[in-house]
Amino acid sequence: MVQPERPPIDPDVDLGIARQRAELRVGSTSLLAAIAVGGAVGALARHGLAVALPHPPAGFPWATFAVNVSGCLLIGVLMVLITELWRAPRLVRPFLGVGVLGGYTTFSTYAVEVQQAVAAGAARTALLYLAGTLVAALVAVRLGLTLTRLATGTGRRWSRG
């Protein structure tokens, strides 16, 4: 009899690593609370920037662009700090990575703003925003990783491939 494949408990947890597997045994209430609080902080920061930098439907949405690119830069910084340099307490990564930066960055607003620009007759702006965000976000993650490794002296170890 073929056993049905079990869905992953958490795709971010490698069950082959004892330390990560142990995270699943600890109460999930504190984990959910850390993510929720972090998400609220990140979403409030994003909202504040959107209010400070409003744009017309056909205009370039600089606030969301800045949020997504800066969020990707910070994700690169965070990943180096908590995976290569420090043994972070168990709630740091869910709070900062999933909560704060997950609430700060937004894919849904990005998609809606592309659609709104197209609907407002600004196809060129929509295309520039669509491609520009993707390219800038990927460059920002790489820049965050590289600059953090250089600043902390771990750059040489990781640059060999």
Foldseek 3Di string as FASTA:
>chain_A
DDDDDDDDPDPVADCVDPVSVVLVVDDCVVLVVLQAVLLVQQQVVLVVLCVVQPDPLQDASPSLLVQLLVLLLVLLQVCCCCPPPDVDPPNPCSNNPNRNSVNNHDDVVLVVSLVSNVVVVNPVSSVCSVVVSVVSSVVSSVVSNQVNCVVVVNNVVPVVD
